[in-house]
Amino acid sequence: MLRASRCLFRTSVAPAAALAAALLSSLARCSFLEPRDPVDSSLSPYFGTKTRYEDVNPGLLSGPEAPWRDPELLEGTCTPVQLVALIRHGTRYPTAKQIRKLRQLHGLLQARGSRDGGAGSTRSRDLGAALADWPLWYADWMDGQLVEKGRQDMRQLALRLASLFPALFSRENYGRLRLITSSKHRCVDSGAAFLQGLWQHYHPGLPLPDVADMECGPPRVNDKLMRFFDHCEKFLTEVEKNATALYHVEAFKTGPEMQNILKKVAATLQVPVNDLNADLIQVAFFTCSFDLAIKGVKSPWCDVFDIDDAKVLEYLNDLKQYWKRGYGYTINSRSSCTLFQDIFQHLDKAVEQKQRSQPISSPVILQFGHAETLLPLLSLMGYFKDKEPLTAYNYKEQMHRKFRSGHIVPYASNLIFVLYHCENAKTPKEQFRVQMLLNEKVLPLAYSQETVSFYEDLKNHYKDILQSCQTSEECELAKANSTSDEL
């Protein structure tokens, strides 16, 4: 069993140095970007992995700290005894690569303004001028770091989960709380912010503590679990570093749907179409999402696109996720076997301890990772699989697809396993049941569409993964170089 940090909350004591550094460095940089009240955009449902959590759970707009109890959640004689949560980091800044592309696009617009000479429609001139004048406030140091809105995502998620499962998040259980995280700052900082939310839960009405007033061992970094893809040689060779692995992504960029958007945007902004490409169009679209998510501002970038454009750009993003993290190649999901098995090791231990009338050693396990952590795991479990693969050539046929990354793994997305012990069970098998929640909503079982399973039945269904999927074998490169297993 993997070891993770165990956390305690106290007042007026020195903090753990690692946690202090993580919080202070990021808070200092982000204090000037306090999130505003949510602003809506008709494009919001189509931002893919850059989607705000509240766009997936609209009810949070009116009460982001109030728990919403799914009516399918078990209650009565069934008591939750353990919760294992896999949580994507909160809202983040663009990466340095995205910022560089935005600068390139911004430069094109400024150059266009200097040579405009009054040509083009009034709307084009006005929008182009507005974008050229729009502050380019993104800086290289931001490079994917967590923003204040992302901390808020985590604090509010902590408040809701603590209210939804009060026995598991009781003060008595703090000493048995376990946290694991990816090494990326946005994940470490998300874990710290989640802990602040738990502090709020037990000290309502009081301001969030300074780092000096909170003590907790930092979440334990474990990239072999949270970034398993970086440790899988087969994935790295056949997908990550394979120039042809994302063929369908590149083909769609040059296909008719994207080329129509390219010409339309060039005409709208009055820039030469040859100066634009699909990557610049996509970064313009994502800049609308970043301004919305980070600052609560609907920027002029949002006015460049309509809903039909947004659906095409969402599909481009989904193609990448599908072929790199989802069903496109078997190794994408099989590389996550270790994480899946780790989850069930926690559940197994809780069942064993309960059967022996022992206290559960780890009632709550929190694991902070990425969209790239969650998507392969959900694919491994058989979720959101369409009858036909997503390709560069079936955009219209996939308009109603299941695999929509923004609806599955927005910022702060979470996959939660809840283990229940049920009194008055007629058989030992019926004593332990499991429910899964995706983004705080009960997730029906992929194989039966039931909302709850006996734990023994769940393990039997995933027997092959739990017993036969060995990462060392799955990730080993074949001696003879063979073609990837494209689906």
Protein backbone atom coordinates (compact mmCIF):
# COMPACT_ATOMS: atom_id res chain seq x y z
CA MET A 1 0.00 0.00 0.00
CA LEU A 2 1.31 3.40 -0.89
CA ARG A 3 2.05 5.79 1.92
CA ALA A 4 0.70 9.31 1.82
CA SER A 5 0.75 12.32 4.06
CA ARG A 6 -1.47 12.34 7.12
CA CYS A 7 -2.88 15.72 8.04
CA LEU A 8 -3.69 17.51 11.26
CA PHE A 9 -5.10 21.01 11.73
CA ARG A 10 -3.98 23.22 14.60
CA THR A 11 -4.04 26.90 15.33
CA SER A 12 -1.10 29.19 16.01
CA VAL A 13 1.61 26.74 15.02
CA ALA A 14 4.34 26.81 12.39
CA PRO A 15 3.41 25.37 8.98
CA ALA A 16 5.14 22.66 7.05
CA ALA A 17 7.78 24.38 4.95
CA ALA A 18 6.82 22.76 1.66
CA LEU A 19 3.17 23.70 1.99
CA ALA A 20 4.09 27.23 3.01
CA ALA A 21 6.29 27.67 -0.03
CA ALA A 22 3.63 26.36 -2.37
CA LEU A 23 0.95 28.65 -0.99
CA LEU A 24 3.02 31.78 -0.61
CA SER A 25 4.65 31.67 -4.03
CA SER A 26 1.39 31.29 -5.86
CA LEU A 27 -0.74 33.57 -3.68
CA ALA A 28 1.75 36.37 -4.05
CA ARG A 29 1.50 36.24 -7.81
CA CYS A 30 -2.24 35.78 -8.02
CA SER A 31 -3.55 38.24 -5.44
CA PHE A 32 -4.23 40.84 -8.09
CA LEU A 33 -6.48 38.48 -10.03
CA GLU A 34 -9.36 37.88 -7.63
CA PRO A 35 -12.21 36.12 -9.45
CA ARG A 36 -15.31 38.16 -10.09
CA ASP A 37 -18.92 37.06 -10.19
CA PRO A 38 -19.43 34.41 -12.89
CA VAL A 39 -19.91 35.72 -16.42
CA ASP A 40 -21.63 33.54 -18.98
CA SER A 41 -20.89 33.00 -22.65
CA SER A 42 -22.80 31.03 -25.25
CA LEU A 43 -19.45 29.38 -26.05
CA SER A 44 -18.94 28.05 -22.50
CA PRO A 45 -20.23 24.49 -23.13
CA TYR A 46 -17.62 23.93 -25.84
CA PHE A 47 -14.27 24.73 -24.20
CA GLY A 48 -13.25 21.08 -23.74
CA THR A 49 -10.65 20.59 -21.03
CA LYS A 50 -10.60 24.38 -20.47
CA THR A 51 -14.24 24.28 -19.26
CA ARG A 52 -15.18 25.84 -15.93
CA TYR A 53 -16.52 23.42 -13.31
CA GLU A 54 -19.65 25.52 -12.80
CA ASP A 55 -20.51 25.16 -16.50
CA VAL A 56 -20.83 21.41 -15.90
CA ASN A 57 -22.70 21.96 -12.61
CA PRO A 58 -24.77 25.12 -13.22
CA GLY A 59 -26.40 24.87 -9.81
CA LEU A 60 -23.12 25.99 -8.27
CA LEU A 61 -23.54 29.46 -9.75
CA SER A 62 -26.13 30.31 -7.09
CA GLY A 63 -24.59 28.38 -4.18
CA PRO A 64 -21.02 27.22 -4.79
CA GLU A 65 -20.48 26.17 -1.17
CA ALA A 66 -23.82 24.46 -0.59
CA PRO A 67 -23.80 20.68 -1.10
CA TRP A 68 -26.17 19.23 -3.65
CA ARG A 69 -27.18 15.71 -2.71
CA ASP A 70 -27.82 13.44 -5.65
CA PRO A 71 -31.08 11.59 -4.86
CA GLU A 72 -29.40 8.37 -6.04
CA LEU A 73 -26.89 8.46 -3.16
CA LEU A 74 -27.37 5.63 -0.68
CA GLU A 75 -28.69 6.44 2.76
CA GLY A 76 -30.64 4.77 5.55
CA THR A 77 -28.96 1.63 6.83
CA CYS A 78 -25.95 2.02 4.51
CA THR A 79 -23.18 4.14 6.02
CA PRO A 80 -20.19 5.47 4.07
CA VAL A 81 -16.97 4.13 5.57
CA GLN A 82 -14.40 5.27 3.01
CA LEU A 83 -14.08 7.84 0.23
CA VAL A 84 -11.35 7.71 -2.43
CA ALA A 85 -11.30 10.81 -4.64
CA LEU A 86 -9.30 11.50 -7.77
CA ILE A 87 -9.40 15.26 -8.32
CA ARG A 88 -8.19 17.34 -11.25
CA HIS A 89 -6.48 20.60 -10.30
CA GLY A 90 -8.53 23.79 -10.30
CA THR A 91 -8.59 26.57 -12.89
CA ARG A 92 -5.11 27.37 -14.16
CA TYR A 93 -3.23 29.87 -16.30
CA PRO A 94 -2.41 29.09 -19.93
CA THR A 95 0.86 27.26 -20.53
CA ALA A 96 3.92 29.17 -21.72
CA LYS A 97 3.45 27.58 -25.16
CA GLN A 98 -0.11 28.89 -25.38
CA ILE A 99 0.99 32.34 -24.22
CA ARG A 100 3.66 32.49 -26.95
CA LYS A 101 1.05 31.63 -29.59
CA LEU A 102 -1.26 34.31 -28.22
CA ARG A 103 1.54 36.87 -28.47
CA GLN A 104 2.07 35.85 -32.08
CA LEU A 105 -1.62 36.34 -32.85
CA HIS A 106 -1.73 39.62 -30.96
CA GLY A 107 1.26 40.82 -32.99
CA LEU A 108 -0.59 40.02 -36.23
CA LEU A 109 -3.53 42.11 -35.09
CA GLN A 110 -1.38 45.06 -34.12
CA ALA A 111 0.45 44.90 -37.46
CA ARG A 112 -2.91 44.75 -39.23
CA GLY A 113 -4.04 47.85 -37.34
CA SER A 114 -1.04 49.84 -38.51
CA ARG A 115 -1.69 49.02 -42.18
CA ASP A 116 -5.49 48.91 -42.06
CA GLY A 117 -6.21 52.05 -44.04
CA GLY A 118 -9.93 51.73 -43.42
CA ALA A 119 -10.55 48.60 -45.49
CA GLY A 120 -13.11 46.01 -44.44
CA SER A 121 -16.47 46.16 -42.66
CA THR A 122 -17.08 48.33 -39.63
CA ARG A 123 -17.51 45.21 -37.46
CA SER A 124 -14.17 43.81 -38.65
CA ARG A 125 -12.37 47.08 -37.99
CA ASP A 126 -14.00 47.48 -34.58
CA LEU A 127 -13.36 43.90 -33.46
CA GLY A 128 -9.83 43.83 -34.81
CA ALA A 129 -9.06 47.14 -33.11
CA ALA A 130 -10.63 45.95 -29.86
CA LEU A 131 -8.47 42.82 -29.89
CA ALA A 132 -5.32 44.75 -30.77
CA ASP A 133 -6.01 47.08 -27.85
CA TRP A 134 -7.14 44.35 -25.45
CA PRO A 135 -4.51 43.99 -22.69
CA LEU A 136 -2.24 41.01 -23.19
CA TRP A 137 -1.73 40.41 -19.49
CA TYR A 138 -0.47 36.83 -19.66
CA ALA A 139 3.21 36.41 -18.73
CA ASP A 140 5.66 33.53 -19.13
CA TRP A 141 5.91 32.87 -15.40
CA MET A 142 2.23 31.87 -15.30
CA ASP A 143 2.94 28.68 -17.30
CA GLY A 144 -0.01 26.52 -16.22
CA GLN A 145 0.05 27.53 -12.56
CA LEU A 146 -3.07 27.52 -10.40
CA VAL A 147 -4.96 30.82 -10.27
CA GLU A 148 -7.00 32.25 -7.40
CA LYS A 149 -10.18 30.98 -9.07
CA GLY A 150 -8.58 27.51 -9.01
CA ARG A 151 -8.02 27.79 -5.26
CA GLN A 152 -11.62 28.82 -4.90
CA ASP A 153 -12.66 25.75 -6.94
CA MET A 154 -10.82 23.53 -4.45
CA ARG A 155 -11.99 25.28 -1.27
CA GLN A 156 -15.59 25.11 -2.38
CA LEU A 157 -15.31 21.46 -3.41
CA ALA A 158 -13.90 20.67 0.04
CA LEU A 159 -16.80 22.46 1.74
CA ARG A 160 -19.37 20.58 -0.32
CA LEU A 161 -17.83 17.15 0.16
CA ALA A 162 -17.36 17.70 3.90
CA SER A 163 -21.03 18.65 4.19
CA LEU A 164 -22.14 15.75 2.00
CA PHE A 165 -20.11 13.14 3.93
CA PRO A 166 -19.84 14.62 7.45
CA ALA A 167 -18.91 11.34 9.17
CA LEU A 168 -15.98 10.73 6.84
CA PHE A 169 -14.72 14.32 7.08
CA SER A 170 -15.20 14.52 10.84
CA ARG A 171 -12.59 16.29 12.94
CA GLU A 172 -11.71 12.96 14.50
CA ASN A 173 -10.68 11.66 11.10
CA TYR A 174 -8.23 14.45 10.28
CA GLY A 175 -5.34 12.47 11.63
CA ARG A 176 -6.17 9.74 9.12
CA LEU A 177 -6.63 11.95 6.08
CA ARG A 178 -4.33 10.98 3.19
CA LEU A 179 -3.29 13.23 0.33
CA ILE A 180 -1.34 12.31 -2.79
CA THR A 181 -0.48 14.71 -5.60
CA SER A 182 1.24 15.12 -8.92
CA SER A 183 4.49 17.07 -8.68
CA LYS A 184 3.08 19.92 -10.78
CA HIS A 185 2.58 23.12 -8.77
CA ARG A 186 -1.05 23.43 -9.85
CA CYS A 187 -1.78 20.05 -8.25
CA VAL A 188 0.24 20.66 -5.07
CA ASP A 189 -1.45 24.05 -4.70
CA SER A 190 -4.87 22.49 -5.33
CA GLY A 191 -4.31 20.09 -2.44
CA ALA A 192 -3.32 22.98 -0.18
CA ALA A 193 -6.43 24.95 -1.17
CA PHE A 194 -8.64 21.91 -0.53
CA LEU A 195 -7.22 21.76 2.99
CA GLN A 196 -8.06 25.44 3.46
CA GLY A 197 -11.64 24.61 2.49
CA LEU A 198 -11.76 21.94 5.16
CA TRP A 199 -10.50 24.52 7.64
CA GLN A 200 -13.39 26.77 6.62
CA HIS A 201 -15.81 23.89 7.17
CA TYR A 202 -14.83 23.66 10.84
CA HIS A 203 -14.34 27.38 11.42
CA PRO A 204 -17.33 28.96 9.61
CA GLY A 205 -17.35 32.72 9.51
CA LEU A 206 -13.64 33.02 10.27
CA PRO A 207 -11.19 34.23 7.64
CA LEU A 208 -8.99 31.67 5.95
CA PRO A 209 -5.89 31.03 8.05
CA ASP A 210 -2.53 32.43 7.17
CA VAL A 211 -0.05 29.75 6.32
CA ALA A 212 1.53 30.39 9.73
CA ASP A 213 -1.72 29.32 11.43
CA MET A 214 -2.10 25.96 9.73
CA GLU A 215 0.01 22.86 10.07
CA CYS A 216 -0.19 19.97 7.71
CA GLY A 217 2.33 17.74 6.09
CA PRO A 218 2.31 18.56 2.37
CA PRO A 219 0.51 16.14 0.05
CA ARG A 220 2.87 13.33 -0.83
CA VAL A 221 4.13 13.61 -4.41
CA ASN A 222 3.67 10.39 -6.36
CA ASP A 223 4.03 10.86 -10.10
CA LYS A 224 4.01 7.13 -10.74
CA LEU A 225 0.36 7.25 -9.74
CA MET A 226 -0.75 10.74 -10.74
CA ARG A 227 1.38 11.02 -13.88
CA PHE A 228 1.59 7.34 -14.80
CA PHE A 229 1.79 8.29 -18.49
CA ASP A 230 5.24 9.81 -17.95
CA HIS A 231 6.47 6.45 -16.67
CA CYS A 232 5.09 4.23 -19.42
CA GLU A 233 7.70 3.66 -22.12
CA LYS A 234 5.22 2.19 -24.58
CA PHE A 235 2.94 5.20 -24.30
CA LEU A 236 5.84 7.64 -24.60
CA THR A 237 7.22 5.92 -27.69
CA GLU A 238 4.06 4.94 -29.53
CA VAL A 239 1.86 7.94 -28.67
CA GLU A 240 3.55 10.89 -26.96
CA LYS A 241 6.64 11.00 -29.19
CA ASN A 242 5.11 9.41 -32.28
CA ALA A 243 4.64 12.02 -35.01
CA THR A 244 1.82 10.02 -36.62
CA ALA A 245 -0.12 9.08 -33.47
CA LEU A 246 -2.30 12.19 -33.70
CA TYR A 247 -2.92 11.83 -37.42
CA HIS A 248 -6.63 12.53 -37.06
CA VAL A 249 -5.98 15.74 -35.13
CA GLU A 250 -3.67 17.07 -37.83
CA ALA A 251 -5.99 15.92 -40.61
CA PHE A 252 -8.94 17.71 -39.02
CA LYS A 253 -6.91 20.92 -38.79
CA THR A 254 -6.59 20.94 -42.58
CA GLY A 255 -10.09 19.59 -43.20
CA PRO A 256 -13.06 21.60 -44.49
CA GLU A 257 -14.60 22.38 -41.07
CA MET A 258 -11.45 24.03 -39.71
CA GLN A 259 -10.53 25.68 -43.01
CA ASN A 260 -13.93 27.36 -43.11
CA ILE A 261 -13.29 28.81 -39.65
CA LEU A 262 -9.80 29.89 -40.70
CA LYS A 263 -11.14 31.86 -43.68
CA LYS A 264 -13.97 33.32 -41.62
CA VAL A 265 -11.67 34.51 -38.82
CA ALA A 266 -9.17 35.95 -41.33
CA ALA A 267 -11.98 37.95 -42.94
CA THR A 268 -13.40 39.03 -39.59
CA LEU A 269 -10.04 40.23 -38.26
CA GLN A 270 -8.82 41.52 -41.62
CA VAL A 271 -5.56 39.58 -41.53
CA PRO A 272 -4.09 37.51 -44.38
CA VAL A 273 -5.41 33.96 -44.21
CA ASN A 274 -1.89 32.66 -44.86
CA ASP A 275 -0.77 34.26 -41.57
CA LEU A 276 -3.21 32.13 -39.61
CA ASN A 277 -3.30 28.42 -38.84
CA ALA A 278 -5.44 26.05 -36.81
CA ASP A 279 -3.22 26.37 -33.73
CA LEU A 280 -3.60 30.17 -33.65
CA ILE A 281 -7.35 29.87 -34.13
CA GLN A 282 -7.51 27.41 -31.24
CA VAL A 283 -5.47 29.62 -28.91
CA ALA A 284 -7.77 32.56 -29.72
CA PHE A 285 -10.75 30.38 -28.76
CA PHE A 286 -9.06 29.24 -25.56
CA THR A 287 -8.18 32.85 -24.68
CA CYS A 288 -11.90 33.54 -24.49
CA SER A 289 -12.15 30.63 -22.04
CA PHE A 290 -9.13 31.73 -19.97
CA ASP A 291 -10.41 35.30 -19.59
CA LEU A 292 -13.81 33.94 -18.54
CA ALA A 293 -12.46 31.38 -16.11
CA ILE A 294 -9.63 33.41 -14.55
CA LYS A 295 -10.96 36.95 -14.45
CA GLY A 296 -14.69 36.49 -14.98
CA VAL A 297 -14.48 38.70 -18.06
CA LYS A 298 -16.07 38.16 -21.46
CA SER A 299 -13.30 39.46 -23.69
CA PRO A 300 -13.53 40.46 -27.38
CA TRP A 301 -11.92 37.11 -28.20
CA CYS A 302 -15.31 35.53 -27.50
CA ASP A 303 -16.89 37.68 -30.23
CA VAL A 304 -14.66 36.15 -32.91
CA PHE A 305 -16.57 32.86 -32.81
CA ASP A 306 -20.18 31.69 -32.95
CA ILE A 307 -21.64 28.44 -31.59
CA ASP A 308 -21.08 26.52 -34.84
CA ASP A 309 -17.39 27.51 -34.72
CA ALA A 310 -17.23 26.49 -31.07
CA LYS A 311 -18.60 23.02 -31.81
CA VAL A 312 -15.91 22.45 -34.43
CA LEU A 313 -13.16 23.71 -32.11
CA GLU A 314 -14.48 21.52 -29.30
CA TYR A 315 -14.26 18.52 -31.63
CA LEU A 316 -10.65 19.39 -32.45
CA ASN A 317 -9.83 19.37 -28.74
CA ASP A 318 -11.77 16.14 -28.20
CA LEU A 319 -9.91 14.46 -31.05
CA LYS A 320 -6.64 15.15 -29.27
CA GLN A 321 -7.93 13.84 -25.96
CA TYR A 322 -9.46 10.77 -27.62
CA TRP A 323 -6.31 9.74 -29.47
CA LYS A 324 -3.83 10.73 -26.76
CA ARG A 325 -5.71 9.96 -23.53
CA GLY A 326 -8.82 7.98 -24.42
CA TYR A 327 -9.85 5.10 -26.65
CA GLY A 328 -7.62 5.93 -29.62
CA TYR A 329 -4.85 3.56 -28.49
CA THR A 330 -5.16 0.76 -25.94
CA ILE A 331 -2.00 1.80 -24.10
CA ASN A 332 -3.60 5.16 -23.22
CA SER A 333 -5.93 3.47 -20.74
CA ARG A 334 -3.85 0.40 -19.86
CA SER A 335 -1.08 2.67 -18.61
CA SER A 336 -3.45 3.69 -15.77
CA CYS A 337 -3.82 0.16 -14.36
CA THR A 338 -1.55 0.92 -11.41
CA LEU A 339 -3.75 3.83 -10.33
CA PHE A 340 -6.92 1.75 -10.71
CA GLN A 341 -5.42 -1.07 -8.66
CA ASP A 342 -4.26 1.38 -5.99
CA ILE A 343 -7.83 2.62 -5.56
CA PHE A 344 -9.07 -0.92 -4.99
CA GLN A 345 -6.23 -1.67 -2.58
CA HIS A 346 -7.57 1.16 -0.40
CA LEU A 347 -11.11 -0.20 -0.67
CA ASP A 348 -9.96 -3.77 0.06
CA LYS A 349 -8.16 -2.66 3.20
CA ALA A 350 -11.21 -0.74 4.44
CA VAL A 351 -13.43 -3.80 3.89
CA GLU A 352 -10.97 -6.02 5.75
CA GLN A 353 -10.71 -3.60 8.68
CA LYS A 354 -14.48 -3.25 8.92
CA GLN A 355 -14.93 -7.03 8.88
CA ARG A 356 -12.51 -7.25 11.80
CA SER A 357 -14.33 -4.46 13.64
CA GLN A 358 -11.23 -2.30 13.42
CA PRO A 359 -11.26 1.46 12.77
CA ILE A 360 -10.74 2.39 9.13
CA SER A 361 -7.14 3.58 8.92
CA SER A 362 -7.77 5.88 5.94
CA PRO A 363 -11.40 7.02 5.75
CA VAL A 364 -10.59 9.69 3.15
CA ILE A 365 -7.96 9.46 0.40
CA LEU A 366 -7.54 12.53 -1.83
CA GLN A 367 -5.44 12.30 -4.98
CA PHE A 368 -4.74 15.46 -7.00
CA GLY A 369 -3.87 15.04 -10.66
CA HIS A 370 -4.76 16.13 -14.18
CA ALA A 371 -7.31 15.66 -16.94
CA GLU A 372 -4.66 13.31 -18.34
CA THR A 373 -4.96 11.29 -15.12
CA LEU A 374 -8.74 11.00 -15.17
CA LEU A 375 -9.49 10.37 -18.85
CA PRO A 376 -7.37 7.21 -19.23
CA LEU A 377 -8.82 5.80 -16.01
CA LEU A 378 -12.40 6.42 -17.12
CA SER A 379 -11.58 4.85 -20.49
CA LEU A 380 -10.07 1.85 -18.71
CA MET A 381 -13.38 1.44 -16.89
CA GLY A 382 -15.39 1.62 -20.12
CA TYR A 383 -16.98 5.05 -19.75
CA PHE A 384 -17.94 7.46 -22.55
CA LYS A 385 -17.13 5.04 -25.35
CA ASP A 386 -18.84 5.74 -28.66
CA LYS A 387 -19.82 3.04 -31.12
CA GLU A 388 -17.47 4.48 -33.72
CA PRO A 389 -14.05 6.05 -33.11
CA LEU A 390 -13.70 9.81 -33.37
CA THR A 391 -11.87 10.61 -36.61
CA ALA A 392 -11.00 13.60 -38.76
CA TYR A 393 -13.74 12.57 -41.18
CA ASN A 394 -16.87 11.92 -39.08
CA TYR A 395 -17.43 15.25 -37.33
CA LYS A 396 -21.12 15.44 -38.32
CA GLU A 397 -21.75 11.83 -37.30
CA GLN A 398 -20.20 12.53 -33.89
CA MET A 399 -22.29 15.58 -33.06
CA HIS A 400 -24.03 13.61 -30.29
CA ARG A 401 -20.97 11.71 -29.09
CA LYS A 402 -20.47 10.55 -25.52
CA PHE A 403 -16.80 11.52 -25.48
CA ARG A 404 -16.96 15.26 -24.75
CA SER A 405 -13.94 16.09 -22.62
CA GLY A 406 -15.37 19.34 -21.24
CA HIS A 407 -18.38 17.49 -19.84
CA ILE A 408 -16.15 14.79 -18.34
CA VAL A 409 -12.99 16.52 -17.06
CA PRO A 410 -13.49 20.28 -16.64
CA TYR A 411 -11.28 22.14 -14.20
CA ALA A 412 -11.69 20.65 -10.69
CA SER A 413 -13.35 17.53 -12.08
CA ASN A 414 -13.48 14.63 -9.67
CA LEU A 415 -14.07 10.90 -9.71
CA ILE A 416 -15.10 9.60 -6.29
CA PHE A 417 -15.47 6.05 -5.02
CA VAL A 418 -17.65 5.73 -1.91
CA LEU A 419 -17.59 2.46 0.03
CA TYR A 420 -20.64 1.75 2.18
CA HIS A 421 -21.24 -0.73 4.98
CA CYS A 422 -24.88 -1.77 5.11
CA GLU A 423 -26.51 -2.98 8.33
CA ASN A 424 -29.10 -5.73 8.26
CA ALA A 425 -27.51 -7.27 5.16
CA LYS A 426 -28.82 -10.76 4.48
CA THR A 427 -25.47 -12.09 3.24
CA PRO A 428 -21.83 -11.06 3.74
CA LYS A 429 -21.72 -10.03 0.09
CA GLU A 430 -24.51 -7.49 0.63
CA GLN A 431 -22.68 -5.80 3.51
CA PHE A 432 -20.39 -3.73 1.29
CA ARG A 433 -21.55 -1.61 -1.61
CA VAL A 434 -19.91 1.00 -3.80
CA GLN A 435 -21.10 4.08 -5.61
CA MET A 436 -19.09 6.28 -7.93
CA LEU A 437 -19.58 9.97 -8.45
CA LEU A 438 -18.30 12.01 -11.37
CA ASN A 439 -18.27 15.72 -10.68
CA GLU A 440 -20.48 15.14 -7.61
CA LYS A 441 -23.18 13.28 -9.56
CA VAL A 442 -23.74 9.55 -9.17
CA LEU A 443 -22.09 7.77 -12.10
CA PRO A 444 -24.04 4.70 -13.25
CA LEU A 445 -21.96 1.58 -13.70
CA ALA A 446 -20.60 1.37 -17.25
CA TYR A 447 -21.60 -2.28 -17.59
CA SER A 448 -25.11 -2.23 -16.08
CA GLN A 449 -26.26 1.40 -15.72
CA GLU A 450 -27.13 0.63 -12.10
CA THR A 451 -26.25 3.37 -9.61
CA VAL A 452 -24.84 1.06 -6.93
CA SER A 453 -22.94 -2.22 -6.90
CA PHE A 454 -22.04 -4.82 -4.36
CA TYR A 455 -18.32 -4.38 -3.86
CA GLU A 456 -17.66 -8.02 -4.69
CA ASP A 457 -19.54 -7.69 -8.02
CA LEU A 458 -17.60 -4.55 -8.94
CA LYS A 459 -14.30 -6.33 -8.33
CA ASN A 460 -15.44 -9.33 -10.36
CA HIS A 461 -16.36 -7.13 -13.31
CA TYR A 462 -12.91 -5.52 -13.33
CA LYS A 463 -11.14 -8.78 -12.46
CA ASP A 464 -8.92 -8.67 -15.54
CA ILE A 465 -7.62 -5.19 -14.76
CA LEU A 466 -7.16 -5.90 -11.06
CA GLN A 467 -5.37 -9.23 -11.52
CA SER A 468 -3.85 -9.32 -14.99
CA CYS A 469 -2.91 -5.75 -15.89
CA GLN A 470 0.72 -5.38 -14.89
CA THR A 471 2.17 -1.98 -15.73
CA SER A 472 5.66 -3.38 -16.23
CA GLU A 473 4.31 -5.67 -18.94
CA GLU A 474 1.76 -3.26 -20.43
CA CYS A 475 4.31 -0.48 -20.79
CA GLU A 476 7.16 -2.61 -22.06
CA LEU A 477 8.05 -2.00 -25.68
CA ALA A 478 7.81 -4.99 -27.97
CA LYS A 479 11.22 -6.25 -29.07
CA ALA A 480 10.16 -6.10 -32.70
CA ASN A 481 8.96 -2.59 -33.50
CA SER A 482 5.33 -2.98 -34.45
CA THR A 483 2.59 -0.56 -35.44
CA SER A 484 0.49 0.94 -32.63
CA ASP A 485 -2.87 -0.70 -31.99
CA GLU A 486 -5.09 1.94 -33.53
CA LEU A 487 -8.78 1.35 -32.94
